Amino acid sequence: METIPKNEESPATQPTERLAYSIQEAADMLGVNYFSVYRLIQRNKLKVCRALRGKLLVPRTELLKLLGTE
């Protein structure tokens, strides 16, 4: 009979990476102002997608590209 070590969490309780972030969340992650992220979007430096009711979401992959970590 196998026992599960207590320090490991089950897959259901492990945090998952989000696929997209709001403009404010993206700004917080980048350490810049909300309007700086919005300017990047307007200048086509950062691609976004629209969610329900027209809310703009920044895909995680776009943030990684901007940071140069992908």
C-alpha atoms as a PDB file:
ATOM      1  CA  MET A   1       0.000   0.000   0.000  1.00  0.00           C
ATOM      2  CA  GLU A   2       1.445   3.364  -1.043  1.00  0.00           C
ATOM      3  CA  THR A   3       1.228   6.481   1.047  1.00  0.00           C
ATOM      4  CA  ILE A   4       1.178  10.014  -0.283  1.00  0.00           C
ATOM      5  CA  PRO A   5       3.780  12.311   1.293  1.00  0.00           C
ATOM      6  CA  LYS A   6       2.185  15.102   3.281  1.00  0.00           C
ATOM      7  CA  ASN A   7       4.239  17.907   1.699  1.00  0.00           C
ATOM      8  CA  GLU A   8       2.875  17.298  -1.823  1.00  0.00           C
ATOM      9  CA  GLU A   9      -0.486  18.708  -2.797  1.00  0.00           C
ATOM     10  CA  SER A  10      -2.961  16.832  -4.911  1.00  0.00           C
ATOM     11  CA  PRO A  11      -3.404  18.118  -8.501  1.00  0.00           C
ATOM     12  CA  ALA A  12      -6.828  19.524  -7.665  1.00  0.00           C
ATOM     13  CA  THR A  13      -5.396  21.899  -5.041  1.00  0.00           C
ATOM     14  CA  GLN A  14      -2.345  23.090  -6.969  1.00  0.00           C
ATOM     15  CA  PRO A  15      -2.632  26.625  -8.357  1.00  0.00           C
ATOM     16  CA  THR A  16      -2.848  26.855 -12.124  1.00  0.00           C
ATOM     17  CA  GLU A  17      -1.561  29.597 -14.393  1.00  0.00           C
ATOM     18  CA  ARG A  18      -4.258  31.825 -15.775  1.00  0.00           C
ATOM     19  CA  LEU A  19      -4.604  32.101 -19.528  1.00  0.00           C
ATOM     20  CA  ALA A  20      -5.426  35.820 -19.584  1.00  0.00           C
ATOM     21  CA  TYR A  21      -5.335  38.848 -17.315  1.00  0.00           C
ATOM     22  CA  SER A  22      -7.241  42.118 -17.109  1.00  0.00           C
ATOM     23  CA  ILE A  23      -5.410  45.285 -18.102  1.00  0.00           C
ATOM     24  CA  GLN A  24      -5.003  46.255 -14.448  1.00  0.00           C
ATOM     25  CA  GLU A  25      -3.619  42.830 -13.531  1.00  0.00           C
ATOM     26  CA  ALA A  26      -1.219  42.969 -16.476  1.00  0.00           C
ATOM     27  CA  ALA A  27      -0.079  46.426 -15.392  1.00  0.00           C
ATOM     28  CA  ASP A  28       0.519  45.176 -11.854  1.00  0.00           C
ATOM     29  CA  MET A  29       2.528  42.219 -13.152  1.00  0.00           C
ATOM     30  CA  LEU A  30       4.644  44.467 -15.380  1.00  0.00           C
ATOM     31  CA  GLY A  31       5.039  47.104 -12.666  1.00  0.00           C
ATOM     32  CA  VAL A  32       3.601  49.893 -14.798  1.00  0.00           C
ATOM     33  CA  ASN A  33       0.522  52.086 -14.864  1.00  0.00           C
ATOM     34  CA  TYR A  34      -2.807  50.958 -16.331  1.00  0.00           C
ATOM     35  CA  PHE A  35      -2.520  53.593 -19.052  1.00  0.00           C
ATOM     36  CA  SER A  36       0.938  52.360 -20.072  1.00  0.00           C
ATOM     37  CA  VAL A  37      -0.520  48.934 -20.861  1.00  0.00           C
ATOM     38  CA  TYR A  38      -3.406  50.567 -22.691  1.00  0.00           C
ATOM     39  CA  ARG A  39      -0.919  52.561 -24.822  1.00  0.00           C
ATOM     40  CA  LEU A  40       0.930  49.348 -25.699  1.00  0.00           C
ATOM     41  CA  ILE A  41      -2.392  47.927 -26.880  1.00  0.00           C
ATOM     42  CA  GLN A  42      -3.198  51.019 -28.957  1.00  0.00           C
ATOM     43  CA  ARG A  43       0.265  50.905 -30.598  1.00  0.00           C
ATOM     44  CA  ASN A  44      -0.192  47.191 -31.433  1.00  0.00           C
ATOM     45  CA  LYS A  45       2.747  46.207 -29.223  1.00  0.00           C
ATOM     46  CA  LEU A  46       0.472  44.031 -27.076  1.00  0.00           C
ATOM     47  CA  LYS A  47      -2.351  41.911 -28.458  1.00  0.00           C
ATOM     48  CA  VAL A  48      -5.558  41.503 -26.495  1.00  0.00           C
ATOM     49  CA  CYS A  49      -8.780  39.573 -26.760  1.00  0.00           C
ATOM     50  CA  ARG A  50     -12.272  40.620 -25.822  1.00  0.00           C
ATOM     51  CA  ALA A  51     -14.265  38.793 -23.189  1.00  0.00           C
ATOM     52  CA  LEU A  52     -17.933  39.110 -22.390  1.00  0.00           C
ATOM     53  CA  ARG A  53     -19.322  42.647 -22.432  1.00  0.00           C
ATOM     54  CA  GLY A  54     -16.262  43.944 -24.275  1.00  0.00           C
ATOM     55  CA  LYS A  55     -13.775  43.560 -21.422  1.00  0.00           C
ATOM     56  CA  LEU A  56     -10.189  43.483 -22.696  1.00  0.00           C
ATOM     57  CA  LEU A  57      -8.015  40.590 -21.606  1.00  0.00           C
ATOM     58  CA  VAL A  58      -4.277  40.271 -22.108  1.00  0.00           C
ATOM     59  CA  PRO A  59      -3.247  36.674 -22.906  1.00  0.00           C
ATOM     60  CA  ARG A  60      -0.486  35.248 -20.724  1.00  0.00           C
ATOM     61  CA  THR A  61       1.553  34.387 -23.824  1.00  0.00           C
ATOM     62  CA  GLU A  62       1.550  38.048 -24.895  1.00  0.00           C
ATOM     63  CA  LEU A  63       2.874  39.141 -21.501  1.00  0.00           C
ATOM     64  CA  LEU A  64       5.641  36.558 -21.751  1.00  0.00           C
ATOM     65  CA  LYS A  65       6.545  37.766 -25.256  1.00  0.00           C
ATOM     66  CA  LEU A  66       6.669  41.351 -24.034  1.00  0.00           C
ATOM     67  CA  LEU A  67       8.961  40.368 -21.192  1.00  0.00           C
ATOM     68  CA  GLY A  68      11.101  38.282 -23.530  1.00  0.00           C
ATOM     69  CA  THR A  69      10.831  35.152 -21.411  1.00  0.00           C
ATOM     70  CA  GLU A  70       9.140  32.973 -24.011  1.00  0.00           C
END
